[in-house]
């Protein structure tokens, strides 16, 4: 089975102290292994990532730049949703 890594872009919840996702999503991206997302828009403040395989996500450190192996990395488990606060222009890569 091929890996499918989904990235859901959201605004911050109306009450930032409540751990909920906002809907509708601003955008949804699907990445393959080593795939790089499009840059997040100025409206995107929160993303949720869920992958069918365990792996690592890497975030770009410069707005608009592709992650190049020097960015911030975070391990993710298979089939578990992970939420991240992001800045506009950030991109993410699944490795």
C-alpha atoms as a PDB file:
ATOM      1  CA  UNK A   1       0.000   0.000   0.000  1.00  0.00           C
ATOM      2  CA  UNK A   2       1.341   3.444  -0.931  1.00  0.00           C
ATOM      3  CA  UNK A   3       1.618   5.993   1.813  1.00  0.00           C
ATOM      4  CA  UNK A   4      -0.825   8.841   1.832  1.00  0.00           C
ATOM      5  CA  UNK A   5      -0.095  11.807   4.065  1.00  0.00           C
ATOM      6  CA  UNK A   6      -2.947  14.290   4.391  1.00  0.00           C
ATOM      7  CA  UNK A   7      -2.493  17.906   5.476  1.00  0.00           C
ATOM      8  CA  UNK A   8      -5.584  19.858   6.585  1.00  0.00           C
ATOM      9  CA  UNK A   9      -5.250  23.661   6.844  1.00  0.00           C
ATOM     10  CA  UNK A  10      -7.348  25.522   9.441  1.00  0.00           C
ATOM     11  CA  UNK A  11      -7.729  28.810  11.256  1.00  0.00           C
ATOM     12  CA  UNK A  12      -7.329  28.880  15.025  1.00  0.00           C
ATOM     13  CA  UNK A  13     -10.498  27.836  16.895  1.00  0.00           C
ATOM     14  CA  UNK A  14     -12.731  30.633  18.147  1.00  0.00           C
ATOM     15  CA  UNK A  15     -11.660  29.707  21.663  1.00  0.00           C
ATOM     16  CA  UNK A  16      -7.923  28.904  21.467  1.00  0.00           C
ATOM     17  CA  UNK A  17      -8.109  27.074  24.822  1.00  0.00           C
ATOM     18  CA  UNK A  18     -10.395  24.383  23.393  1.00  0.00           C
ATOM     19  CA  UNK A  19      -8.517  21.640  21.474  1.00  0.00           C
ATOM     20  CA  UNK A  20     -10.845  21.337  18.482  1.00  0.00           C
ATOM     21  CA  UNK A  21     -10.412  21.593  14.721  1.00  0.00           C
ATOM     22  CA  UNK A  22     -12.207  24.286  12.813  1.00  0.00           C
ATOM     23  CA  UNK A  23     -14.346  23.390   9.829  1.00  0.00           C
ATOM     24  CA  UNK A  24     -14.685  23.829   6.999  1.00  0.00           C
ATOM     25  CA  UNK A  25     -10.994  23.332   6.303  1.00  0.00           C
ATOM     26  CA  UNK A  26      -9.307  26.134   4.367  1.00  0.00           C
ATOM     27  CA  UNK A  27      -7.540  23.571   2.177  1.00  0.00           C
ATOM     28  CA  UNK A  28      -6.594  19.906   2.067  1.00  0.00           C
ATOM     29  CA  UNK A  29      -3.395  18.568   0.538  1.00  0.00           C
ATOM     30  CA  UNK A  30      -2.310  14.985  -0.052  1.00  0.00           C
ATOM     31  CA  UNK A  31       1.419  14.229  -0.063  1.00  0.00           C
ATOM     32  CA  UNK A  32       3.273  11.130  -1.147  1.00  0.00           C
ATOM     33  CA  UNK A  33       6.522  10.089   0.535  1.00  0.00           C
ATOM     34  CA  UNK A  34       9.066  12.931   0.084  1.00  0.00           C
ATOM     35  CA  UNK A  35       6.256  15.110  -1.297  1.00  0.00           C
ATOM     36  CA  UNK A  36       6.289  18.822  -0.408  1.00  0.00           C
ATOM     37  CA  UNK A  37       3.146  20.794   0.349  1.00  0.00           C
ATOM     38  CA  UNK A  38       2.175  24.089  -1.204  1.00  0.00           C
ATOM     39  CA  UNK A  39       2.988  27.108   0.976  1.00  0.00           C
ATOM     40  CA  UNK A  40       0.357  27.726   3.642  1.00  0.00           C
ATOM     41  CA  UNK A  41      -1.724  30.858   3.080  1.00  0.00           C
ATOM     42  CA  UNK A  42      -1.918  33.853   5.399  1.00  0.00           C
ATOM     43  CA  UNK A  43      -5.232  32.486   6.720  1.00  0.00           C
ATOM     44  CA  UNK A  44      -3.739  29.140   7.751  1.00  0.00           C
ATOM     45  CA  UNK A  45      -2.728  29.119  11.394  1.00  0.00           C
ATOM     46  CA  UNK A  46      -3.153  25.456  12.280  1.00  0.00           C
ATOM     47  CA  UNK A  47      -2.624  22.244  10.323  1.00  0.00           C
ATOM     48  CA  UNK A  48      -3.547  18.661  11.084  1.00  0.00           C
ATOM     49  CA  UNK A  49      -1.388  15.909   9.584  1.00  0.00           C
ATOM     50  CA  UNK A  50      -2.402  12.276   9.371  1.00  0.00           C
ATOM     51  CA  UNK A  51      -0.389   9.627   7.546  1.00  0.00           C
ATOM     52  CA  UNK A  52      -1.105   6.011   6.735  1.00  0.00           C
ATOM     53  CA  UNK A  53       2.542   5.163   7.588  1.00  0.00           C
ATOM     54  CA  UNK A  54       4.847   6.266  10.391  1.00  0.00           C
ATOM     55  CA  UNK A  55       7.473   8.762   9.313  1.00  0.00           C
ATOM     56  CA  UNK A  56       8.817  12.245   9.866  1.00  0.00           C
ATOM     57  CA  UNK A  57       7.499  15.602   8.786  1.00  0.00           C
ATOM     58  CA  UNK A  58       9.910  18.438   8.125  1.00  0.00           C
ATOM     59  CA  UNK A  59       8.910  22.101   8.110  1.00  0.00           C
ATOM     60  CA  UNK A  60      10.683  24.777   6.081  1.00  0.00           C
ATOM     61  CA  UNK A  61      12.508  27.435   8.081  1.00  0.00           C
ATOM     62  CA  UNK A  62      12.150  30.155   5.416  1.00  0.00           C
ATOM     63  CA  UNK A  63       8.721  31.200   4.134  1.00  0.00           C
ATOM     64  CA  UNK A  64       8.094  29.861   0.625  1.00  0.00           C
ATOM     65  CA  UNK A  65      11.192  27.639   0.595  1.00  0.00           C
ATOM     66  CA  UNK A  66      10.971  23.873   0.251  1.00  0.00           C
ATOM     67  CA  UNK A  67      12.161  21.848   3.263  1.00  0.00           C
ATOM     68  CA  UNK A  68      15.741  20.837   2.464  1.00  0.00           C
ATOM     69  CA  UNK A  69      16.876  18.632   5.334  1.00  0.00           C
ATOM     70  CA  UNK A  70      17.851  21.540   7.589  1.00  0.00           C
ATOM     71  CA  UNK A  71      14.347  22.403   8.825  1.00  0.00           C
ATOM     72  CA  UNK A  72      12.418  21.482  11.924  1.00  0.00           C
ATOM     73  CA  UNK A  73      11.472  17.786  12.027  1.00  0.00           C
ATOM     74  CA  UNK A  74       8.864  15.891  13.999  1.00  0.00           C
ATOM     75  CA  UNK A  75       8.173  12.133  14.047  1.00  0.00           C
ATOM     76  CA  UNK A  76       4.595  11.039  13.409  1.00  0.00           C
ATOM     77  CA  UNK A  77       2.889   7.733  14.060  1.00  0.00           C
ATOM     78  CA  UNK A  78       0.799   5.857  11.519  1.00  0.00           C
ATOM     79  CA  UNK A  79      -2.912   6.688  11.539  1.00  0.00           C
ATOM     80  CA  UNK A  80      -2.599   9.269  14.319  1.00  0.00           C
ATOM     81  CA  UNK A  81      -3.539  12.914  13.767  1.00  0.00           C
ATOM     82  CA  UNK A  82      -0.983  15.547  14.795  1.00  0.00           C
ATOM     83  CA  UNK A  83      -1.761  19.279  15.015  1.00  0.00           C
ATOM     84  CA  UNK A  84       0.789  22.037  14.371  1.00  0.00           C
ATOM     85  CA  UNK A  85       0.631  25.813  14.598  1.00  0.00           C
ATOM     86  CA  UNK A  86       2.221  27.242  11.431  1.00  0.00           C
ATOM     87  CA  UNK A  87       3.194  30.573   9.924  1.00  0.00           C
ATOM     88  CA  UNK A  88       2.105  31.785   6.473  1.00  0.00           C
ATOM     89  CA  UNK A  89       4.412  30.596   3.713  1.00  0.00           C
ATOM     90  CA  UNK A  90       5.616  27.539   5.628  1.00  0.00           C
ATOM     91  CA  UNK A  91       5.812  24.264   3.707  1.00  0.00           C
ATOM     92  CA  UNK A  92       5.929  20.714   5.033  1.00  0.00           C
ATOM     93  CA  UNK A  93       7.515  17.554   3.614  1.00  0.00           C
ATOM     94  CA  UNK A  94       6.777  13.966   4.585  1.00  0.00           C
ATOM     95  CA  UNK A  95       9.883  11.784   4.800  1.00  0.00           C
END
